[in-house]
Protein backbone atom coordinates (compact mmCIF):
# COMPACT_ATOMS: atom_id res chain seq x y z
CA MET A 1 0.00 0.00 0.00
CA TYR A 2 2.80 2.45 0.91
CA ARG A 3 4.55 1.83 -2.44
CA LYS A 4 1.30 2.51 -4.28
CA ILE A 5 0.91 5.81 -2.46
CA VAL A 6 4.49 6.82 -3.23
CA PHE A 7 4.14 6.03 -6.94
CA TYR A 8 0.82 7.84 -7.05
CA VAL A 9 2.26 10.89 -5.32
CA ILE A 10 5.12 11.02 -7.86
CA GLY A 11 2.61 10.89 -10.69
CA CYS A 12 0.49 13.59 -9.08
CA TYR A 13 3.54 15.77 -8.56
CA ILE A 14 4.42 15.53 -12.24
CA ILE A 15 0.89 16.52 -13.20
CA LEU A 16 0.81 19.47 -10.80
CA SER A 17 4.32 20.73 -11.56
CA ALA A 18 3.51 20.66 -15.27
CA GLY A 19 0.77 23.19 -14.61
CA TYR A 20 -2.09 20.85 -15.37
CA VAL A 21 -5.49 22.49 -14.72
CA PHE A 22 -8.21 20.09 -13.69
CA ALA A 23 -11.43 20.28 -15.65
CA ASN A 24 -14.19 22.03 -13.72
CA SER A 25 -16.23 19.02 -12.64
CA LEU A 26 -17.01 17.22 -9.41
CA THR A 27 -15.01 14.19 -10.53
CA ASP A 28 -11.87 16.27 -10.92
CA ILE A 29 -12.39 17.97 -7.57
CA GLU A 30 -12.36 14.49 -6.09
CA GLN A 31 -9.22 13.69 -8.06
CA ALA A 32 -7.54 16.85 -6.76
CA LYS A 33 -8.49 15.96 -3.19
CA THR A 34 -6.94 12.53 -3.65
CA VAL A 35 -3.71 14.14 -4.85
CA ILE A 36 -3.58 16.45 -1.84
CA LYS A 37 -4.28 13.63 0.60
CA ALA A 38 -1.56 11.54 -0.99
CA TYR A 39 0.91 14.40 -0.52
CA VAL A 40 -0.13 14.77 3.13
CA THR A 41 0.25 11.04 3.72
CA ALA A 42 3.71 11.05 2.13
CA GLY A 43 4.80 14.04 4.25
CA LYS A 44 5.13 16.34 1.22
CA ASN A 45 3.77 19.39 3.03
CA ALA A 46 4.82 22.09 0.52
CA GLU A 47 3.36 20.12 -2.39
CA ALA A 48 0.15 19.54 -0.43
CA THR A 49 -0.18 23.26 0.25
CA ASP A 50 0.45 24.15 -3.41
CA ALA A 51 -2.06 21.56 -4.60
CA TYR A 52 -4.65 22.82 -2.11
CA GLN A 53 -4.20 26.43 -3.23
CA LYS A 54 -4.56 25.29 -6.83
CA LEU A 55 -7.76 23.45 -5.96
CA ILE A 56 -9.50 26.41 -4.34
CA THR A 57 -8.32 28.73 -7.14
CA ASP A 58 -9.30 26.51 -10.06
CA PHE A 59 -12.68 25.66 -8.54
CA ALA A 60 -13.45 29.00 -6.91
CA ASP A 61 -16.89 29.14 -8.59
CA SER A 62 -17.85 25.55 -7.83
CA LYS A 63 -20.56 24.81 -5.29
CA SER A 64 -18.54 21.81 -4.18
CA VAL A 65 -15.30 23.60 -3.32
CA SER A 66 -16.25 24.46 0.28
CA SER A 67 -17.03 20.82 0.95
CA ALA A 68 -13.73 19.78 -0.64
CA ALA A 69 -11.74 22.26 1.44
CA TYR A 70 -13.47 21.11 4.63
CA ASP A 71 -12.73 17.48 3.76
CA ILE A 72 -9.05 18.35 3.32
CA ALA A 73 -9.01 20.15 6.68
CA GLU A 74 -10.51 17.05 8.30
CA PHE A 75 -7.86 14.89 6.64
CA TYR A 76 -5.11 17.13 8.00
CA ARG A 77 -6.63 16.79 11.48
CA ASP A 78 -7.02 13.02 11.18
CA SER A 79 -3.35 12.94 10.13
CA ARG A 80 -2.47 14.89 13.31
CA LYS A 81 -1.33 17.90 11.31
CA TYR A 82 -3.33 20.22 13.51
CA SER A 83 -1.74 23.56 12.58
CA GLU A 84 -2.31 22.86 8.89
CA SER A 85 -5.89 21.84 9.59
CA ILE A 86 -6.57 25.15 11.36
CA GLY A 87 -5.39 27.08 8.31
CA VAL A 88 -7.75 25.22 5.97
CA TYR A 89 -10.66 25.37 8.42
CA LYS A 90 -10.23 29.14 8.58
CA ASP A 91 -10.28 29.28 4.77
CA VAL A 92 -13.69 27.61 4.86
CA ILE A 93 -14.91 30.08 7.49
CA ASP A 94 -13.60 33.15 5.64
CA LYS A 95 -14.23 32.20 2.01
CA TRP A 96 -17.54 30.34 2.36
CA PRO A 97 -19.16 31.78 5.52
CA THR A 98 -22.69 30.77 4.51
CA SER A 99 -21.83 27.18 3.57
CA ARG A 100 -23.07 24.23 5.60
CA GLN A 101 -19.43 23.44 6.40
CA ALA A 102 -18.68 26.80 8.06
CA VAL A 103 -20.06 25.89 11.50
CA PHE A 104 -18.20 22.58 11.46
CA ALA A 105 -15.03 24.32 10.31
CA GLN A 106 -15.26 26.62 13.33
CA LYS A 107 -15.71 23.50 15.46
CA GLY A 108 -12.65 22.04 13.76
CA VAL A 109 -10.57 25.08 14.76
CA VAL A 110 -11.58 24.51 18.39
CA VAL A 111 -10.81 20.79 18.26
CA SER A 112 -7.42 21.27 16.61
CA ASN A 113 -6.44 23.78 19.27
CA ILE A 114 -7.46 21.26 21.94
CA ALA A 115 -5.23 18.68 20.23
CA LEU A 116 -2.35 21.17 20.23
CA GLY A 117 -2.84 21.81 23.94
CA LYS A 118 -3.71 25.46 23.31
CA MET A 119 -6.55 25.64 25.80
CA ALA A 120 -6.88 29.44 25.83
CA ASP A 121 -7.15 29.53 22.03
CA ALA A 122 -9.61 26.64 22.13
CA GLN A 123 -11.83 28.52 24.58
CA ALA A 124 -11.70 31.70 22.49
CA GLU A 125 -12.64 29.80 19.34
CA LEU A 126 -15.41 27.99 21.21
CA ASP A 127 -16.80 31.37 22.24
CA ASN A 128 -16.72 32.37 18.55
CA LEU A 129 -18.57 29.18 17.66
CA LYS A 130 -21.35 29.89 20.16
CA LYS A 131 -21.61 33.56 19.20
CA ASN A 132 -21.23 33.50 15.42
CA TYR A 133 -23.29 30.39 14.70
CA SER A 134 -26.01 30.60 17.33
CA ALA A 135 -28.72 30.48 14.63
CA ASP A 136 -27.12 27.67 12.61
CA PRO A 137 -29.28 24.51 12.59
CA ASN A 138 -26.16 22.41 13.29
CA ILE A 139 -24.88 24.42 16.26
CA ALA A 140 -25.90 21.82 18.87
CA GLU A 141 -24.01 19.09 17.02
CA ALA A 142 -20.92 21.26 16.60
CA VAL A 143 -20.79 22.25 20.28
CA PHE A 144 -21.40 18.64 21.34
CA ASN A 145 -18.47 17.56 19.13
CA VAL A 146 -16.27 20.02 21.02
CA ALA A 147 -17.35 18.50 24.34
CA ASP A 148 -16.50 15.05 23.02
CA SER A 149 -13.09 16.27 21.89
CA TYR A 150 -12.33 17.68 25.34
CA TYR A 151 -13.30 14.26 26.72
CA TRP A 152 -11.07 12.29 24.32
CA PHE A 153 -8.12 14.52 25.21
CA ASN A 154 -8.78 13.92 28.93
CA LYS A 155 -9.86 17.50 29.57
CA PHE A 156 -12.74 16.32 31.71
CA ASN A 157 -13.62 19.59 33.47
CA GLU A 158 -13.84 21.42 30.14
CA ALA A 159 -15.87 18.58 28.64
CA GLU A 160 -18.29 18.66 31.56
CA GLY A 161 -18.88 22.37 31.11
CA VAL A 162 -19.61 22.04 27.41
CA TYR A 163 -21.91 19.01 27.83
CA LYS A 164 -23.87 21.04 30.38
CA TYR A 165 -23.97 23.97 27.95
CA VAL A 166 -25.60 21.76 25.31
CA LEU A 167 -28.19 20.52 27.81
CA ALA A 168 -29.00 24.05 28.96
CA ASN A 169 -29.09 25.73 25.55
CA TYR A 170 -30.28 22.98 23.19
CA PRO A 171 -32.45 20.76 25.42
CA LYS A 172 -34.69 19.66 22.54
CA SER A 173 -31.88 18.86 20.13
CA ASP A 174 -30.81 15.35 19.21
CA PHE A 175 -27.56 15.99 21.08
CA ALA A 176 -29.06 16.64 24.50
CA ILE A 177 -29.32 12.93 25.26
CA TRP A 178 -25.73 12.34 24.12
CA SER A 179 -24.55 15.19 26.34
CA GLN A 180 -26.31 13.70 29.35
CA MET A 181 -24.69 10.38 28.49
CA GLY A 182 -21.35 12.15 28.14
CA LEU A 183 -21.64 13.50 31.69
CA ALA A 184 -22.05 9.96 33.01
CA ILE A 185 -19.20 8.56 30.95
CA LEU A 186 -16.66 11.25 31.78
CA ASN A 187 -17.35 10.79 35.48
CA ILE A 188 -16.68 7.08 35.09
CA ALA A 189 -13.39 8.10 33.47
CA LYS A 190 -12.72 10.44 36.42
CA ASN A 191 -13.37 7.49 38.75
CA ASP A 192 -16.31 9.32 40.32
CA ASP A 193 -18.81 6.48 40.15
CA LYS A 194 -21.23 8.21 42.51
CA ALA A 195 -21.58 11.18 40.15
CA ALA A 196 -21.75 8.82 37.16
CA ASP A 197 -24.66 6.99 38.78
CA VAL A 198 -26.51 10.27 39.40
CA TYR A 199 -26.04 11.35 35.76
CA THR A 200 -27.13 7.91 34.54
CA LYS A 201 -30.33 8.06 36.60
CA THR A 202 -30.99 11.58 35.29
CA LEU A 203 -30.52 10.26 31.77
CA ILE A 204 -33.12 7.54 32.40
CA ASN A 205 -35.60 9.96 34.00
CA ASN A 206 -35.26 12.87 31.56
CA PHE A 207 -35.04 10.87 28.34
CA SER A 208 -37.35 7.96 29.09
CA ASP A 209 -39.31 8.53 25.86
CA ASN A 210 -36.24 8.91 23.67
CA PRO A 211 -35.71 5.89 21.39
CA LYS A 212 -31.93 6.42 21.66
CA LEU A 213 -31.92 5.78 25.42
CA PRO A 214 -31.01 2.04 25.24
CA GLU A 215 -28.08 2.92 22.97
CA ALA A 216 -26.90 5.66 25.33
CA LEU A 217 -27.09 3.30 28.30
CA LEU A 218 -25.12 0.68 26.41
CA TYR A 219 -22.32 3.22 25.88
CA ILE A 220 -22.27 3.90 29.63
CA ALA A 221 -22.10 0.19 30.40
CA SER A 222 -19.27 -0.17 27.89
CA ARG A 223 -17.28 2.56 29.62
CA TYR A 224 -17.72 0.80 32.97
CA ASP A 225 -16.59 -2.38 31.20
CA TRP A 226 -13.52 -0.62 29.76
CA ASP A 227 -12.51 0.53 33.24
CA LYS A 228 -13.02 -3.05 34.55
CA LYS A 229 -15.87 -1.90 36.80
CA THR A 230 -17.67 -5.12 36.08
CA GLU A 231 -20.50 -4.92 38.60
CA ASN A 232 -21.43 -1.39 37.52
CA ALA A 233 -21.39 -2.48 33.89
CA LYS A 234 -23.51 -5.53 34.63
CA GLN A 235 -26.15 -3.43 36.42
CA VAL A 236 -26.56 -1.16 33.40
CA TYR A 237 -26.58 -4.11 30.99
CA GLU A 238 -29.29 -5.73 33.12
CA TYR A 239 -31.37 -2.54 33.11
CA VAL A 240 -31.24 -2.42 29.30
CA SER A 241 -32.05 -6.13 29.02
CA ASN A 242 -35.00 -5.93 31.42
CA ASN A 243 -36.53 -2.65 30.26
CA TYR A 244 -35.93 -2.74 26.51
CA ALA A 245 -36.20 -6.48 25.94
CA LYS A 246 -37.11 -6.26 22.26
CA SER A 247 -34.36 -3.81 21.27
CA THR A 248 -31.14 -4.71 19.50
CA GLN A 249 -29.31 -3.17 22.45
CA ALA A 250 -30.99 -5.70 24.78
CA ARG A 251 -29.45 -8.57 22.82
CA THR A 252 -26.02 -6.97 23.11
CA ALA A 253 -26.64 -6.41 26.83
CA ARG A 254 -27.54 -10.08 27.32
CA LEU A 255 -24.42 -11.13 25.43
CA ASN A 256 -22.28 -9.02 27.75
CA ILE A 257 -24.05 -10.28 30.87
CA LEU A 258 -23.28 -13.86 29.83
CA ARG A 259 -19.68 -12.90 29.06
CA ILE A 260 -19.28 -11.23 32.49
CA ASN A 261 -20.82 -14.22 34.27
CA THR A 262 -18.51 -16.58 32.39
CA ILE A 263 -15.39 -14.61 33.31
CA SER A 264 -16.53 -14.62 36.95
CA LEU A 265 -16.39 -18.43 36.82
CA ILE A 266 -12.72 -18.17 35.81
CA ASP A 267 -11.98 -15.59 38.49
CA ASN A 268 -13.66 -17.71 41.16
CA GLU A 269 -11.82 -20.94 40.25
CA SER A 270 -15.08 -22.66 39.24
CA ASP A 271 -14.58 -22.82 35.51
CA SER A 272 -15.91 -26.27 34.63
CA ASN A 273 -18.77 -24.73 32.64
CA VAL A 274 -16.76 -22.09 30.78
CA ILE A 275 -16.63 -23.88 27.43
CA SER A 276 -20.36 -24.60 27.68
CA SER A 277 -20.94 -20.88 28.25
CA VAL A 278 -18.75 -20.00 25.26
CA ASN A 279 -20.72 -22.43 23.12
CA LEU A 280 -23.94 -20.83 24.33
CA LEU A 281 -22.58 -17.38 23.44
CA ILE A 282 -21.74 -18.54 19.93
CA ASN A 283 -25.07 -20.31 19.38
CA GLU A 284 -27.22 -17.52 20.81
CA PHE A 285 -25.39 -14.48 19.45
CA ARG A 286 -23.73 -15.63 16.25
CA ASP A 287 -25.11 -12.63 14.35
CA ASN A 288 -24.01 -10.04 16.93
CA PRO A 289 -20.91 -8.02 15.97
CA ASP A 290 -19.78 -7.96 19.62
CA LEU A 291 -19.50 -11.76 19.75
CA TYR A 292 -15.84 -11.88 18.70
CA ASP A 293 -14.85 -9.41 21.40
CA ALA A 294 -16.85 -11.30 24.04
CA VAL A 295 -15.18 -14.62 23.20
CA PHE A 296 -11.78 -12.92 23.21
CA LYS A 297 -12.32 -11.37 26.61
CA ILE A 298 -13.07 -14.81 28.04
CA GLY A 299 -9.90 -16.15 26.44
CA ASP A 300 -7.99 -13.14 27.77
CA ALA A 301 -9.19 -13.88 31.31
CA TYR A 302 -7.54 -17.29 31.07
CA PHE A 303 -4.47 -15.84 29.29
CA ASP A 304 -3.85 -13.20 31.97
CA LYS A 305 -4.41 -15.71 34.76
CA GLY A 306 -2.09 -18.25 33.17
CA ARG A 307 0.72 -15.73 32.73
CA SER A 308 0.24 -14.57 36.31
CA ARG A 309 0.67 -18.15 37.51
CA LEU A 310 3.83 -18.52 35.42
CA ASN A 311 5.21 -15.29 36.88
CA SER A 312 4.56 -16.60 40.39
CA GLU A 313 6.53 -19.74 39.47
CA ASP A 314 3.48 -22.02 39.37
CA ILE A 315 4.70 -23.39 36.05
CA ALA A 316 2.41 -26.42 35.84
CA GLY A 317 -0.66 -24.40 36.87
CA GLY A 318 0.16 -21.61 34.47
CA LYS A 319 0.60 -23.95 31.52
CA GLU A 320 -2.68 -25.69 32.32
CA ILE A 321 -4.59 -22.41 32.37
CA LEU A 322 -2.95 -21.27 29.12
CA GLY A 323 -4.22 -24.50 27.59
CA LYS A 324 -7.75 -23.42 28.56
CA ALA A 325 -7.12 -20.04 26.92
CA ILE A 326 -6.13 -21.86 23.72
CA ASN A 327 -9.42 -23.79 23.79
CA VAL A 328 -11.38 -20.52 23.93
CA TYR A 329 -9.35 -18.67 21.29
CA ASP A 330 -9.64 -21.70 19.01
CA LYS A 331 -13.42 -21.18 18.96
CA VAL A 332 -12.78 -18.02 16.91
CA LEU A 333 -10.93 -20.09 14.31
CA SER A 334 -13.08 -23.21 14.31
CA GLU A 335 -16.62 -21.86 14.82
CA LEU A 336 -16.77 -18.24 13.75
CA PRO A 337 -16.53 -16.76 10.23
CA TYR A 338 -13.26 -15.20 9.07
CA SER A 339 -12.61 -11.76 10.54
CA LYS A 340 -9.96 -9.35 9.26
CA VAL A 341 -9.15 -8.50 12.87
CA TYR A 342 -10.09 -11.35 15.18
CA THR A 343 -9.01 -14.32 13.07
CA TRP A 344 -5.41 -13.09 13.09
CA LYS A 345 -5.61 -12.13 16.75
CA ALA A 346 -6.72 -15.68 17.52
CA TYR A 347 -3.72 -17.09 15.66
CA GLY A 348 -1.52 -14.66 17.58
CA PHE A 349 -2.80 -15.42 21.05
CA ILE A 350 -2.83 -19.16 20.49
CA GLY A 351 0.78 -18.81 19.33
CA PHE A 352 1.65 -16.72 22.40
CA CYS A 353 0.08 -19.36 24.67
CA TYR A 354 2.04 -22.16 23.06
CA TYR A 355 5.21 -20.09 23.34
CA GLN A 356 4.59 -19.51 27.05
CA GLN A 357 3.99 -23.25 27.44
CA GLY A 358 7.31 -24.01 25.75
CA SER A 359 5.60 -25.68 22.78
CA TYR A 360 7.72 -23.84 20.22
CA GLN A 361 6.82 -25.87 17.12
CA LYS A 362 3.13 -25.23 17.76
CA ALA A 363 3.80 -21.56 18.48
CA ILE A 364 5.55 -21.20 15.13
CA ARG A 365 2.73 -23.02 13.34
CA TYR A 366 0.25 -20.34 14.46
CA LEU A 367 2.42 -17.22 14.53
CA GLU A 368 3.78 -17.76 11.00
CA LYS A 369 0.25 -17.61 9.61
CA ILE A 370 -0.10 -13.93 10.59
CA PRO A 371 0.70 -11.48 7.77
CA ASN A 372 2.73 -8.46 8.81
CA ASP A 373 0.00 -6.13 7.54
CA SER A 374 -2.74 -7.90 9.50
CA LEU A 375 -5.47 -5.61 10.82
CA GLY A 376 -5.45 -7.69 14.00
CA TYR A 377 -2.11 -6.18 14.95
CA ASP A 378 -0.85 -2.66 14.47
CA ASN A 379 2.82 -2.11 13.66
CA GLU A 380 3.69 -1.59 17.30
CA LYS A 381 2.36 -5.04 18.22
CA MET A 382 3.76 -6.99 15.30
CA TRP A 383 7.18 -6.93 16.94
CA GLN A 384 5.76 -9.27 19.61
CA VAL A 385 4.74 -11.81 16.97
CA ASN A 386 8.11 -11.67 15.26
CA LEU A 387 10.06 -11.64 18.52
CA ASN A 388 8.32 -14.83 19.67
CA LEU A 389 9.02 -16.41 16.29
CA ALA A 390 12.73 -15.59 16.55
CA GLN A 391 12.84 -16.79 20.15
CA SER A 392 11.02 -20.02 19.23
CA TYR A 393 13.53 -20.83 16.50
CA ASP A 394 16.31 -20.02 18.94
CA GLN A 395 14.90 -22.47 21.50
CA LEU A 396 14.41 -25.20 18.88
CA SER A 397 18.02 -24.75 17.75
CA LYS A 398 19.33 -24.97 21.30
CA SER A 399 17.34 -28.14 21.95
CA GLY A 400 18.68 -29.70 18.74
CA GLU A 401 15.24 -30.02 17.13
CA ILE A 402 16.36 -27.95 14.12
CA GLY A 403 19.73 -27.17 12.62
CA HIS A 404 21.77 -24.04 13.37
CA GLU A 405 21.63 -22.77 9.76
CA VAL A 406 17.85 -23.14 9.51
CA ALA A 407 17.44 -21.28 12.80
CA ALA A 408 19.88 -18.55 11.73
CA GLN A 409 17.91 -17.84 8.55
CA LYS A 410 14.60 -17.56 10.40
CA ILE A 411 16.03 -15.60 13.32
CA ASN A 412 17.56 -13.04 10.98
CA GLN A 413 14.30 -12.79 9.03
CA TYR A 414 12.09 -12.21 12.06
CA GLY A 415 14.68 -10.38 14.11
CA ASN A 416 15.12 -7.70 11.46
CA ILE A 417 11.37 -7.10 11.45
CA VAL A 418 11.51 -6.60 15.22
CA LEU A 419 14.36 -4.11 14.87
CA LYS A 420 12.35 -2.12 12.32
CA SER A 421 9.04 -2.17 14.21
CA SER A 422 10.02 -1.78 17.88
CA SER A 423 11.48 1.29 19.58
CA ASN A 424 11.77 -0.43 22.97
CA PRO A 425 15.48 -0.49 23.98
CA LEU A 426 15.09 -3.70 25.99
CA ILE A 427 13.40 -5.51 23.08
CA ILE A 428 16.03 -4.25 20.63
CA LYS A 429 18.83 -5.49 22.91
CA THR A 430 17.12 -8.86 23.36
CA ILE A 431 16.74 -9.51 19.64
CA ARG A 432 20.23 -8.25 18.81
CA ASP A 433 21.71 -10.63 21.39
CA ILE A 434 19.87 -13.53 19.76
CA ILE A 435 20.87 -12.54 16.23
CA GLU A 436 24.50 -12.18 17.33
CA GLN A 437 24.60 -15.85 18.37
CA TYR A 438 23.82 -16.95 14.81
CA LYS A 439 26.36 -14.90 12.88
C-alpha cells in the first residue's frame, strides 16, 4: 500500500508541476483531493499546500469547493497535522461563511487547538462558535463535538462544562441525550462512580421517551466495562435487558451479561462450565458483531491468569490455564466466520500461549500464519509476533530439534522485522543478542 501511495504521489507531482489544470467538474475535484491527501500522507507538506491552493483557485466558482476544502481540513486533522488543519478550516470560514461546512469548520478550529494543547485559544474559538453560529441549525451538534473532543483529550472539566452547555441551551436537540450520556461517561473516566450513577439516573428519568436511550445506556455500560468496573457495567446491561427487551441493544446487553458471568467463573476458580458458556454465546449471538470481542475477553481472562501463575513460578498451573485459553481462542478459528481482525488475533494469542507453554513448534505453526500487515495487529504489536518467532527458532536450535543454519535464517528474518518495528530499547537489545549468536 505504501509503495502505491508513493508512486501515485510522484505521478500527481508531475501533473501538478507541469501546470495541469483540472477540468471544472465534481469528478476532478475528487481527483484533486486525492492528490492532496496523498501528498499529506507522504509528508510532502509544501506540495500539499500548493495543490490545495490550486484546488480552491481553479474551482473558486464551484458549489462543491467548500465541501472539498473542509474534507481536506478534516484529513489534515485526522493525520495529526493540527496547525495545517486550522489554516484550511479558517479558509472555509472566511471564504464560504454561509456554507453548511462553516459551523463545522469553526468546530474544527476549536478541536485542533485542543489537540495542540492550546486551551486558551480553544476557549476563544469555542466562544466564537457559540456567538457566530447561534442560529445555525447544526450548532448543537458542533458544540457537542467540542465536548467530546475535550473528553477524548482527557480534559474532563472542560468537557463537563460544554456538555452542560448543550443541555441548557439545546435541550430539545438530538444531542441533548448524548450530552447527558457524556456526563455519566466522563465521570466514570474520572473514577467518580457516585456522580456517574446520578447522571445515569438523570438520563433515564429525563429521556425515558427517547428511542436512543437504550443505545446511550449501552455506551455507559461499555465505559464501565472498559474501566473493569464489572458490577457497575452488569447493572446497566441488566437494566437495558429488562426494560428494553425487544431492542437490538438488549441482545447486546444479554451477550455481555453472559460474558461477564462466564469470566466470573474463571476468576472464582469454578470454571468447569466455561466452554459450555462460550458455546452458548456462539449459538445464541452468532449474528451479533460484539461476539468476537466477548469470546476474546473470556480467552484473555484465562491468558492473563495463566501468565500470572507462570510469573509466580506455578509453572504447571500456568501452563494448564494457558491451555484453557487456547481452547477458547480456538473457537474463533473453528466456529466463527473469518474476521480481518479477530481471526489473526486468535492465531496470535494461540501462538503466544504455546510459546509460554514451551511448545515452540506449535507456536511457530500459528504465529507464521499472521501477515505483517494484519489488521489484527498494528505495527507496534507486530514486533511481539516476530520476537516470539525468533525466540522459538532459537529455542528449537538450542534443543537440537532444528539445525543451526535453519534457525539462523529464520532468526535473521524475524529479528530484522523486530528491529524495524520496535522502539523499545530492551526488546532491541534482546533480539540483537539472539541474532549475534547466529552470525
